[in-house]
N, C-alpha and C. Protein backbone atom coordinates (compact mmCIF):
# COMPACT_ATOMS: atom_id res chain seq x y z
N MET A 1 20.96 -26.79 58.71
CA MET A 1 21.23 -27.78 57.51
C MET A 1 20.33 -27.41 56.40
N SER A 2 19.07 -27.26 56.57
CA SER A 2 18.21 -27.01 55.48
C SER A 2 18.49 -25.70 54.81
N THR A 3 18.99 -24.58 55.49
CA THR A 3 19.44 -23.39 54.95
C THR A 3 20.54 -23.57 53.92
N ILE A 4 21.58 -24.34 54.41
CA ILE A 4 22.67 -24.76 53.46
C ILE A 4 22.37 -25.50 52.18
N LEU A 5 21.35 -26.33 52.38
CA LEU A 5 20.78 -27.11 51.38
C LEU A 5 20.05 -26.22 50.35
N GLN A 6 19.30 -25.25 50.94
CA GLN A 6 18.44 -24.42 50.07
C GLN A 6 19.36 -23.46 49.18
N VAL A 7 20.40 -22.96 49.82
CA VAL A 7 21.40 -22.16 49.03
C VAL A 7 22.07 -22.91 47.96
N PHE A 8 22.58 -24.11 48.43
CA PHE A 8 23.24 -24.96 47.33
C PHE A 8 22.34 -25.31 46.30
N LEU A 9 21.14 -25.65 46.42
CA LEU A 9 20.16 -26.07 45.42
C LEU A 9 19.94 -24.93 44.63
N LYS A 10 19.69 -23.65 44.99
CA LYS A 10 19.44 -22.57 44.28
C LYS A 10 20.61 -22.32 43.34
N LYS A 11 21.94 -22.22 43.84
CA LYS A 11 22.99 -22.04 42.98
C LYS A 11 23.16 -23.24 41.93
N TYR A 12 22.97 -24.45 42.38
CA TYR A 12 23.17 -25.56 41.60
C TYR A 12 22.11 -25.48 40.40
N CYS A 13 20.86 -25.16 40.71
CA CYS A 13 19.83 -25.17 39.74
C CYS A 13 20.00 -24.19 38.76
N ARG A 14 20.50 -22.98 39.15
CA ARG A 14 20.73 -21.88 38.17
C ARG A 14 21.95 -22.34 37.22
N ALA A 15 22.94 -23.01 37.70
CA ALA A 15 24.03 -23.48 36.85
C ALA A 15 23.59 -24.59 35.90
N PHE A 16 22.71 -25.56 36.42
CA PHE A 16 22.38 -26.49 35.64
C PHE A 16 20.84 -26.82 35.62
N PRO A 17 20.22 -25.84 34.94
CA PRO A 17 18.69 -25.80 35.18
C PRO A 17 17.97 -27.09 34.77
N ARG A 18 18.28 -27.73 33.71
CA ARG A 18 17.48 -28.80 33.18
C ARG A 18 17.83 -30.20 33.99
N THR A 19 19.13 -30.62 33.91
CA THR A 19 19.52 -31.84 34.51
C THR A 19 19.80 -31.49 35.94
N GLY A 20 20.29 -30.35 36.44
CA GLY A 20 20.65 -30.29 37.79
C GLY A 20 19.49 -30.43 38.67
N LEU A 21 18.27 -29.83 38.28
CA LEU A 21 17.07 -30.05 39.11
C LEU A 21 16.71 -31.50 39.39
N LEU A 22 16.86 -32.34 38.34
CA LEU A 22 16.58 -33.83 38.63
C LEU A 22 17.52 -34.45 39.59
N VAL A 23 18.96 -34.19 39.35
CA VAL A 23 19.94 -34.62 40.13
C VAL A 23 19.75 -34.23 41.65
N ILE A 24 19.51 -33.03 41.65
CA ILE A 24 19.19 -32.54 43.16
C ILE A 24 18.03 -33.16 43.76
N LEU A 25 16.96 -33.18 42.87
CA LEU A 25 15.82 -33.86 43.44
C LEU A 25 16.12 -35.25 44.09
N PHE A 26 16.99 -35.98 43.15
CA PHE A 26 17.28 -37.29 43.63
C PHE A 26 18.18 -37.30 44.81
N ILE A 27 19.07 -36.55 45.05
CA ILE A 27 19.91 -36.28 46.10
C ILE A 27 19.06 -36.02 47.35
N VAL A 28 18.24 -35.02 47.27
CA VAL A 28 17.31 -34.62 48.37
C VAL A 28 16.56 -35.86 48.81
N VAL A 29 15.95 -36.62 47.86
CA VAL A 29 15.01 -37.62 48.25
C VAL A 29 15.82 -38.69 48.92
N PHE A 30 16.91 -38.92 48.40
CA PHE A 30 17.86 -40.03 48.90
C PHE A 30 18.24 -39.59 50.35
N ALA A 31 18.67 -38.38 50.45
CA ALA A 31 19.13 -37.95 51.78
C ALA A 31 17.97 -37.97 52.89
N MET A 32 16.82 -37.53 52.38
CA MET A 32 15.65 -37.52 53.28
C MET A 32 15.41 -38.99 53.76
N TYR A 33 15.42 -39.94 52.89
CA TYR A 33 14.99 -41.34 53.34
C TYR A 33 16.15 -42.02 53.94
N SER A 34 17.22 -41.79 53.56
CA SER A 34 18.56 -42.48 54.15
C SER A 34 18.67 -42.00 55.64
N CYS A 35 18.33 -40.89 56.01
CA CYS A 35 18.26 -40.25 57.32
C CYS A 35 17.08 -40.56 58.26
N SER A 36 15.96 -40.98 57.57
CA SER A 36 14.93 -41.33 58.37
C SER A 36 14.84 -42.75 58.83
N PRO A 37 14.11 -42.93 59.74
CA PRO A 37 14.15 -44.42 60.27
C PRO A 37 13.51 -45.32 59.22
N SER A 38 14.03 -46.41 59.11
CA SER A 38 13.62 -47.49 58.10
C SER A 38 12.22 -47.98 58.45
N SER A 39 11.93 -47.77 59.68
CA SER A 39 10.55 -48.34 60.06
C SER A 39 9.30 -47.69 59.45
N GLN A 40 9.55 -46.49 58.92
CA GLN A 40 8.52 -45.75 58.19
C GLN A 40 8.27 -46.38 56.78
N LEU A 41 9.08 -47.06 56.24
CA LEU A 41 8.98 -47.66 54.92
C LEU A 41 8.20 -48.98 55.05
N PRO A 42 7.47 -49.36 54.07
CA PRO A 42 6.79 -50.57 54.04
C PRO A 42 7.76 -51.71 54.07
N LEU A 43 7.49 -52.87 54.62
CA LEU A 43 8.38 -54.09 54.82
C LEU A 43 9.10 -54.37 53.46
N SER A 44 8.17 -54.53 52.37
CA SER A 44 8.70 -54.97 51.14
C SER A 44 9.83 -53.93 50.57
N VAL A 45 9.48 -52.62 50.78
CA VAL A 45 10.51 -51.64 50.29
C VAL A 45 11.66 -51.85 51.17
N ARG A 46 11.49 -51.87 52.39
CA ARG A 46 12.77 -51.95 53.33
C ARG A 46 13.64 -53.08 53.00
N GLU A 47 13.17 -54.31 52.68
CA GLU A 47 13.78 -55.45 52.36
C GLU A 47 14.73 -55.30 51.09
N ARG A 48 14.13 -54.61 50.14
CA ARG A 48 14.99 -54.34 48.89
C ARG A 48 15.80 -53.08 49.04
N GLY A 49 15.75 -52.33 50.03
CA GLY A 49 16.58 -51.25 50.17
C GLY A 49 16.20 -50.07 49.33
N GLU A 50 14.94 -50.06 48.88
CA GLU A 50 14.53 -49.00 47.79
C GLU A 50 13.70 -48.01 48.60
N SER A 51 13.65 -46.79 48.19
CA SER A 51 12.68 -45.83 48.59
C SER A 51 11.75 -45.40 47.46
N PRO A 52 10.40 -45.42 47.87
CA PRO A 52 9.51 -45.13 46.78
C PRO A 52 9.65 -43.75 46.01
N LEU A 53 10.16 -42.72 46.84
CA LEU A 53 10.49 -41.51 46.08
C LEU A 53 11.77 -41.68 45.22
N ALA A 54 12.58 -42.29 45.81
CA ALA A 54 13.96 -42.55 44.88
C ALA A 54 13.63 -43.15 43.70
N LYS A 55 12.73 -44.27 43.73
CA LYS A 55 12.35 -45.00 42.56
C LYS A 55 11.71 -44.07 41.45
N ASP A 56 10.75 -43.17 42.10
CA ASP A 56 10.13 -42.18 41.14
C ASP A 56 11.24 -41.18 40.62
N THR A 57 12.13 -40.77 41.50
CA THR A 57 13.19 -39.93 40.93
C THR A 57 13.81 -40.39 39.71
N ILE A 58 14.36 -41.78 39.91
CA ILE A 58 15.05 -42.61 38.98
C ILE A 58 14.07 -42.68 37.67
N ASP A 59 12.92 -42.75 37.80
CA ASP A 59 11.98 -42.90 36.58
C ASP A 59 11.94 -41.56 36.03
N MET A 60 11.80 -40.48 36.73
CA MET A 60 11.87 -39.25 36.14
C MET A 60 13.05 -38.88 35.39
N VAL A 61 14.36 -39.24 35.79
CA VAL A 61 15.59 -39.02 35.25
C VAL A 61 15.58 -39.94 33.88
N GLU A 62 15.17 -41.09 33.89
CA GLU A 62 15.14 -41.81 32.70
C GLU A 62 14.13 -41.31 31.77
N SER A 63 13.00 -40.74 32.33
CA SER A 63 11.98 -40.18 31.44
C SER A 63 12.58 -38.97 30.79
N GLU A 64 13.28 -38.14 31.59
CA GLU A 64 13.95 -36.88 30.93
C GLU A 64 14.91 -37.38 29.83
N ALA A 65 15.77 -38.46 30.14
CA ALA A 65 16.64 -38.99 29.10
C ALA A 65 15.96 -39.28 27.88
N ILE A 66 14.82 -39.99 28.00
CA ILE A 66 14.00 -40.45 26.92
C ILE A 66 13.46 -39.21 26.26
N ASP A 67 13.01 -38.35 26.90
CA ASP A 67 12.50 -37.05 26.35
C ASP A 67 13.54 -36.25 25.55
N GLU A 68 14.74 -36.14 26.09
CA GLU A 68 15.77 -35.56 25.39
C GLU A 68 16.17 -36.33 24.11
N GLU A 69 16.14 -37.67 24.27
CA GLU A 69 16.36 -38.40 22.98
C GLU A 69 15.27 -38.23 21.85
N ARG A 70 14.10 -38.10 22.48
CA ARG A 70 12.87 -37.83 21.48
C ARG A 70 13.07 -36.41 20.85
N LEU A 71 13.46 -35.55 21.73
CA LEU A 71 13.76 -34.22 21.39
C LEU A 71 14.80 -34.12 20.23
N ARG A 72 15.80 -34.89 20.30
CA ARG A 72 16.86 -34.84 19.22
C ARG A 72 16.39 -35.50 18.07
N GLN A 73 15.51 -36.64 18.23
CA GLN A 73 15.00 -37.18 17.07
C GLN A 73 14.07 -36.36 16.25
N MET A 74 13.22 -35.57 17.09
CA MET A 74 12.36 -34.63 16.47
C MET A 74 13.06 -33.47 15.70
N GLN A 75 14.17 -33.03 16.45
CA GLN A 75 15.08 -32.04 15.65
C GLN A 75 15.68 -32.52 14.29
N GLU A 76 16.30 -33.77 14.46
CA GLU A 76 16.81 -34.50 13.26
C GLU A 76 15.72 -34.53 12.01
N GLU A 77 14.39 -35.04 12.57
CA GLU A 77 13.41 -35.10 11.57
C GLU A 77 13.00 -33.90 10.96
N ALA A 78 12.89 -32.69 11.87
CA ALA A 78 12.66 -31.45 11.31
C ALA A 78 13.70 -30.96 10.27
N LYS A 79 15.08 -31.18 10.63
CA LYS A 79 15.99 -30.87 9.67
C LYS A 79 15.89 -31.62 8.36
N ILE A 80 15.63 -32.94 8.41
CA ILE A 80 15.55 -33.70 7.19
C ILE A 80 14.18 -32.96 6.41
N ASN A 81 13.04 -32.68 7.18
CA ASN A 81 11.97 -32.18 6.49
C ASN A 81 12.16 -30.78 5.78
N ARG A 82 13.12 -29.97 6.39
CA ARG A 82 13.56 -28.67 5.89
C ARG A 82 14.35 -28.95 4.56
N MET A 83 15.11 -29.97 4.56
CA MET A 83 16.05 -30.30 3.47
C MET A 83 15.11 -30.67 2.33
N ARG A 84 14.19 -31.54 2.60
CA ARG A 84 13.22 -32.04 1.54
C ARG A 84 12.52 -30.93 0.99
N ARG A 85 12.03 -30.04 1.87
CA ARG A 85 11.18 -28.92 1.45
C ARG A 85 12.07 -28.05 0.48
N ASP A 86 13.35 -27.77 0.92
CA ASP A 86 14.05 -26.91 0.13
C ASP A 86 14.43 -27.49 -1.29
N GLN A 87 14.44 -28.84 -1.22
CA GLN A 87 14.90 -29.58 -2.55
C GLN A 87 13.64 -29.47 -3.43
N ILE A 88 12.50 -29.73 -2.77
CA ILE A 88 11.27 -29.62 -3.59
C ILE A 88 11.00 -28.19 -4.16
N ILE A 89 11.35 -27.12 -3.48
CA ILE A 89 11.16 -25.72 -3.93
C ILE A 89 12.13 -25.59 -5.05
N ALA A 90 13.32 -25.93 -4.76
CA ALA A 90 14.51 -25.78 -5.89
C ALA A 90 13.95 -26.55 -7.08
N GLU A 91 13.54 -27.69 -7.02
CA GLU A 91 13.05 -28.41 -8.23
C GLU A 91 11.77 -27.75 -8.84
N THR A 92 10.88 -27.33 -7.98
CA THR A 92 9.71 -26.62 -8.50
C THR A 92 10.10 -25.35 -9.32
N GLU A 93 11.10 -24.57 -8.64
CA GLU A 93 11.49 -23.37 -9.35
C GLU A 93 12.26 -23.66 -10.77
N ALA A 94 12.98 -24.74 -10.77
CA ALA A 94 13.71 -25.10 -11.92
C ALA A 94 12.69 -25.56 -12.98
N GLU A 95 11.66 -26.22 -12.58
CA GLU A 95 10.65 -26.74 -13.53
C GLU A 95 9.86 -25.48 -13.95
N HIS A 96 9.57 -24.60 -13.15
CA HIS A 96 8.67 -23.28 -13.43
C HIS A 96 9.53 -22.61 -14.48
N LYS A 97 10.82 -22.41 -14.33
CA LYS A 97 11.69 -21.61 -15.18
C LYS A 97 11.68 -22.18 -16.62
N GLU A 98 11.89 -23.76 -16.61
CA GLU A 98 11.89 -24.52 -17.84
C GLU A 98 10.56 -24.17 -18.65
N ARG A 99 9.52 -24.38 -17.84
CA ARG A 99 8.27 -24.28 -18.46
C ARG A 99 7.91 -22.96 -19.12
N THR A 100 8.27 -21.92 -18.32
CA THR A 100 8.19 -20.36 -18.73
C THR A 100 9.14 -20.18 -20.10
N ASN A 101 10.27 -20.77 -19.95
CA ASN A 101 11.21 -20.67 -21.17
C ASN A 101 10.55 -21.31 -22.46
N GLN A 102 9.94 -22.59 -22.23
CA GLN A 102 9.28 -23.21 -23.31
C GLN A 102 8.09 -22.38 -23.79
N ALA A 103 7.34 -21.93 -22.82
CA ALA A 103 6.25 -21.09 -23.21
C ALA A 103 6.59 -19.91 -24.06
N LEU A 104 7.61 -19.24 -23.54
CA LEU A 104 8.17 -18.02 -24.35
C LEU A 104 8.62 -18.35 -25.63
N ALA A 105 9.19 -19.43 -25.80
CA ALA A 105 9.68 -19.86 -27.15
C ALA A 105 8.49 -20.13 -28.11
N TYR A 106 7.46 -20.74 -27.65
CA TYR A 106 6.32 -21.09 -28.33
C TYR A 106 5.60 -19.70 -28.65
N TYR A 107 5.52 -18.78 -27.71
CA TYR A 107 4.95 -17.49 -28.03
C TYR A 107 5.68 -16.75 -29.00
N SER A 108 6.92 -16.73 -29.04
CA SER A 108 7.77 -16.03 -30.11
C SER A 108 7.63 -16.62 -31.47
N ARG A 109 7.51 -17.92 -31.47
CA ARG A 109 7.36 -18.59 -32.78
C ARG A 109 5.91 -18.37 -33.34
N ALA A 110 5.02 -18.35 -32.34
CA ALA A 110 3.57 -18.16 -32.66
C ALA A 110 3.32 -16.71 -33.14
N GLN A 111 4.08 -15.68 -32.70
CA GLN A 111 3.97 -14.26 -33.09
C GLN A 111 4.46 -14.26 -34.62
N GLU A 112 5.74 -14.87 -34.73
CA GLU A 112 6.19 -14.92 -36.13
C GLU A 112 5.33 -15.42 -37.23
N ALA A 113 4.62 -16.65 -36.83
CA ALA A 113 3.61 -17.23 -37.61
C ALA A 113 2.39 -16.51 -37.88
N PHE A 114 1.93 -15.70 -36.86
CA PHE A 114 0.78 -14.82 -36.89
C PHE A 114 1.03 -13.78 -37.84
N PHE A 115 2.23 -12.99 -37.57
CA PHE A 115 2.38 -11.72 -38.42
C PHE A 115 2.92 -12.01 -39.82
N SER A 116 3.24 -13.45 -40.10
CA SER A 116 3.60 -13.81 -41.41
C SER A 116 2.23 -14.37 -42.16
N GLY A 117 1.21 -14.38 -41.40
CA GLY A 117 -0.10 -14.86 -42.02
C GLY A 117 -0.41 -16.26 -41.81
N ASN A 118 0.33 -17.13 -41.15
CA ASN A 118 0.13 -18.36 -40.99
C ASN A 118 -0.53 -18.49 -39.68
N HIS A 119 -1.85 -18.22 -39.72
CA HIS A 119 -2.72 -18.23 -38.50
C HIS A 119 -2.93 -19.69 -37.85
N ARG A 120 -3.18 -20.62 -38.71
CA ARG A 120 -3.34 -22.03 -38.11
C ARG A 120 -2.07 -22.55 -37.32
N GLN A 121 -0.86 -22.21 -37.90
CA GLN A 121 0.30 -22.60 -37.29
C GLN A 121 0.48 -21.97 -35.92
N ALA A 122 0.04 -20.49 -36.01
CA ALA A 122 0.23 -19.82 -34.73
C ALA A 122 -0.78 -20.48 -33.67
N LEU A 123 -2.12 -20.92 -33.99
CA LEU A 123 -2.87 -21.46 -33.07
C LEU A 123 -2.24 -22.79 -32.53
N HIS A 124 -1.65 -23.54 -33.34
CA HIS A 124 -0.92 -24.66 -33.00
C HIS A 124 0.13 -24.43 -31.92
N LEU A 125 0.94 -23.51 -32.19
CA LEU A 125 2.12 -23.20 -31.36
C LEU A 125 1.56 -22.61 -29.95
N LEU A 126 0.49 -21.71 -30.20
CA LEU A 126 -0.10 -21.20 -28.89
C LEU A 126 -0.65 -22.38 -28.02
N HIS A 127 -1.25 -23.40 -28.62
CA HIS A 127 -1.78 -24.41 -27.92
C HIS A 127 -0.78 -25.13 -27.05
N PHE A 128 0.34 -25.25 -27.61
CA PHE A 128 1.65 -26.01 -26.91
C PHE A 128 2.06 -25.08 -25.82
N GLY A 129 2.12 -23.78 -26.14
CA GLY A 129 2.71 -22.81 -25.17
C GLY A 129 1.68 -22.71 -24.00
N LEU A 130 0.34 -22.70 -24.16
CA LEU A 130 -0.57 -22.57 -22.96
C LEU A 130 -0.51 -23.94 -22.16
N GLN A 131 -0.05 -24.95 -22.78
CA GLN A 131 0.07 -26.26 -21.94
C GLN A 131 1.28 -26.14 -20.91
N GLU A 132 2.28 -25.20 -21.27
CA GLU A 132 3.39 -25.02 -20.57
C GLU A 132 3.04 -24.05 -19.38
N THR A 133 2.39 -22.95 -19.72
CA THR A 133 1.99 -21.96 -18.65
C THR A 133 0.86 -21.02 -19.34
N GLU A 134 -0.21 -20.80 -18.47
CA GLU A 134 -1.28 -19.84 -18.99
C GLU A 134 -0.86 -18.35 -18.78
N SER A 135 -0.20 -17.87 -19.70
CA SER A 135 0.14 -16.35 -19.50
C SER A 135 -0.90 -15.55 -20.18
N ALA A 136 -1.04 -14.23 -19.78
CA ALA A 136 -1.86 -13.28 -20.36
C ALA A 136 -1.60 -13.11 -21.91
N ASP A 137 -0.32 -12.95 -22.15
CA ASP A 137 0.11 -12.70 -23.50
C ASP A 137 -0.22 -13.88 -24.41
N LEU A 138 -0.03 -15.01 -23.93
CA LEU A 138 -0.43 -16.25 -24.89
C LEU A 138 -1.91 -16.20 -25.13
N LEU A 139 -2.65 -16.01 -24.02
CA LEU A 139 -4.11 -16.00 -24.27
C LEU A 139 -4.66 -14.82 -25.19
N ALA A 140 -4.09 -13.69 -25.02
CA ALA A 140 -4.41 -12.56 -25.77
C ALA A 140 -4.04 -12.62 -27.29
N LEU A 141 -2.84 -13.31 -27.55
CA LEU A 141 -2.45 -13.64 -28.90
C LEU A 141 -3.32 -14.62 -29.49
N LYS A 142 -3.81 -15.59 -28.79
CA LYS A 142 -4.71 -16.77 -29.29
C LYS A 142 -5.96 -16.00 -29.62
N GLY A 143 -6.52 -15.22 -28.65
CA GLY A 143 -7.78 -14.57 -29.08
C GLY A 143 -7.66 -13.61 -30.22
N SER A 144 -6.50 -12.98 -30.44
CA SER A 144 -6.36 -12.19 -31.70
C SER A 144 -6.41 -13.13 -32.94
N VAL A 145 -5.69 -14.27 -32.91
CA VAL A 145 -5.66 -15.08 -33.99
C VAL A 145 -7.12 -15.62 -34.45
N TYR A 146 -7.88 -15.98 -33.32
CA TYR A 146 -9.27 -16.32 -33.52
C TYR A 146 -10.04 -15.12 -34.20
N HIS A 147 -9.82 -14.01 -33.79
CA HIS A 147 -10.51 -12.75 -34.17
C HIS A 147 -10.19 -12.51 -35.67
N ILE A 148 -8.94 -12.73 -36.10
CA ILE A 148 -8.48 -12.69 -37.56
C ILE A 148 -9.18 -13.67 -38.32
N LEU A 149 -9.33 -14.91 -37.88
CA LEU A 149 -10.03 -16.05 -38.44
C LEU A 149 -11.63 -15.80 -38.48
N GLY A 150 -12.04 -14.78 -37.80
CA GLY A 150 -13.40 -14.42 -37.68
C GLY A 150 -14.22 -15.26 -36.74
N GLU A 151 -13.54 -15.91 -35.88
CA GLU A 151 -14.19 -16.54 -34.72
C GLU A 151 -14.14 -15.73 -33.49
N ASP A 152 -15.11 -14.69 -33.56
CA ASP A 152 -15.03 -13.68 -32.48
C ASP A 152 -15.64 -14.28 -31.08
N GLU A 153 -16.47 -15.13 -31.06
CA GLU A 153 -16.84 -15.65 -29.69
C GLU A 153 -15.79 -16.28 -29.07
N THR A 154 -14.99 -17.05 -29.83
CA THR A 154 -13.83 -17.90 -29.25
C THR A 154 -12.77 -16.66 -28.86
N ALA A 155 -12.62 -15.71 -29.72
CA ALA A 155 -11.59 -14.70 -29.39
C ALA A 155 -11.92 -14.00 -28.19
N VAL A 156 -13.17 -13.69 -27.90
CA VAL A 156 -13.57 -12.91 -26.62
C VAL A 156 -13.25 -13.82 -25.63
N LYS A 157 -13.55 -15.16 -25.55
CA LYS A 157 -13.24 -16.15 -24.52
C LYS A 157 -11.85 -15.95 -24.22
N TYR A 158 -10.94 -16.00 -25.01
CA TYR A 158 -9.52 -15.92 -24.67
C TYR A 158 -9.08 -14.60 -24.24
N TRP A 159 -9.67 -13.40 -24.77
CA TRP A 159 -9.42 -12.18 -24.26
C TRP A 159 -9.83 -11.97 -22.81
N ASN A 160 -10.96 -12.56 -22.50
CA ASN A 160 -11.59 -12.38 -21.10
C ASN A 160 -10.51 -13.18 -20.21
N ARG A 161 -9.99 -14.31 -20.44
CA ARG A 161 -9.12 -14.96 -19.60
C ARG A 161 -7.77 -14.11 -19.56
N ALA A 162 -7.38 -13.50 -20.64
CA ALA A 162 -6.07 -12.70 -20.58
C ALA A 162 -6.28 -11.60 -19.84
N VAL A 163 -7.47 -10.94 -19.78
CA VAL A 163 -7.59 -9.65 -19.04
C VAL A 163 -7.80 -10.04 -17.62
N GLU A 164 -8.40 -11.21 -17.17
CA GLU A 164 -8.41 -11.55 -15.87
C GLU A 164 -7.10 -11.89 -15.25
N LYS A 165 -6.08 -12.28 -16.06
CA LYS A 165 -4.76 -12.53 -15.51
C LYS A 165 -3.88 -11.31 -15.46
N ASP A 166 -4.13 -10.30 -16.48
CA ASP A 166 -3.30 -9.14 -16.50
C ASP A 166 -4.17 -8.08 -17.34
N GLU A 167 -4.61 -7.10 -16.71
CA GLU A 167 -5.31 -6.00 -17.41
C GLU A 167 -4.54 -5.26 -18.47
N GLU A 168 -3.12 -5.20 -18.15
CA GLU A 168 -2.26 -4.52 -19.13
C GLU A 168 -2.03 -5.09 -20.43
N VAL A 169 -2.62 -6.26 -20.66
CA VAL A 169 -2.47 -7.03 -21.72
C VAL A 169 -3.27 -6.41 -22.87
N VAL A 170 -4.16 -5.49 -22.55
CA VAL A 170 -5.05 -4.69 -23.58
C VAL A 170 -4.11 -3.60 -24.13
N CYS A 171 -3.56 -3.98 -25.36
CA CYS A 171 -2.93 -3.00 -26.10
C CYS A 171 -3.10 -3.23 -27.58
N ASP A 172 -2.35 -2.30 -28.31
CA ASP A 172 -2.57 -2.48 -29.84
C ASP A 172 -1.68 -3.55 -30.30
N MET A 173 -0.84 -4.17 -29.54
CA MET A 173 -0.04 -5.24 -30.10
C MET A 173 -0.91 -6.52 -30.57
N TYR A 174 -1.99 -6.72 -29.94
CA TYR A 174 -2.94 -7.69 -30.22
C TYR A 174 -3.97 -7.31 -30.97
N PRO A 175 -4.18 -7.54 -32.35
CA PRO A 175 -5.24 -7.01 -33.08
C PRO A 175 -6.61 -7.43 -32.46
N GLY A 176 -7.49 -6.50 -32.34
CA GLY A 176 -8.94 -6.58 -32.12
C GLY A 176 -9.08 -6.56 -30.47
N ILE A 177 -8.07 -6.67 -29.68
CA ILE A 177 -8.41 -6.60 -28.24
C ILE A 177 -8.81 -5.38 -27.71
N SER A 178 -8.04 -4.24 -28.22
CA SER A 178 -8.35 -2.84 -27.79
C SER A 178 -9.84 -2.43 -28.13
N GLU A 179 -10.27 -2.89 -29.41
CA GLU A 179 -11.58 -2.44 -29.71
C GLU A 179 -12.59 -3.21 -28.89
N TRP A 180 -12.34 -4.44 -28.73
CA TRP A 180 -13.29 -5.32 -27.84
C TRP A 180 -13.23 -4.70 -26.39
N HIS A 181 -12.22 -4.43 -25.96
CA HIS A 181 -12.20 -3.84 -24.50
C HIS A 181 -12.81 -2.47 -24.26
N ARG A 182 -12.81 -1.70 -25.45
CA ARG A 182 -13.53 -0.34 -25.42
C ARG A 182 -14.90 -0.58 -25.62
N SER A 183 -15.36 -1.60 -26.30
CA SER A 183 -16.76 -1.93 -26.50
C SER A 183 -17.48 -2.39 -25.20
N LEU A 184 -16.71 -2.97 -24.26
CA LEU A 184 -17.23 -3.33 -22.97
C LEU A 184 -17.72 -2.17 -22.15
N GLY A 185 -16.98 -1.03 -22.31
CA GLY A 185 -17.27 0.10 -21.55
C GLY A 185 -18.46 0.85 -22.01
N GLU A 186 -19.02 0.53 -23.15
CA GLU A 186 -20.00 1.31 -23.81
C GLU A 186 -21.31 0.87 -23.44
């Protein structure tokens, strides 16, 4: 009898690994205690017709059902969290694009003002552009405006920040930055 039961258990557990094991455990415990003399059970248990192991097995089945429900809840929470994360990323990317476009517009208008000789207006536009995003080009142009205005200490401050962000910003497009950068190597 036990060999047949072992074969049955092995096949059933492979077919239903998670719930099958608990069902089979319940069946085995029930079969063991239903075949055994009731005198082995304490009087209070015998009177109620319960087996201590059967009760434990029922508790395990209920516990597993609770665990499966908790697992479903956790999976649903994870799904909601992924959706929130994706939404935040999309919003952040959209905001970043908008800020970059605004900064580019300020940069373009500041260049026009700078090359037309309106340096104070260029500084004003660069100030707003840098509030949107701190790019190397905005910093380098602001340093060049200060250089033209004769405020070389302030110009160097902005050029240093620009070079920290992107070393390739050093070019002839921004007046004074190439000479300043060469003087650092001397």
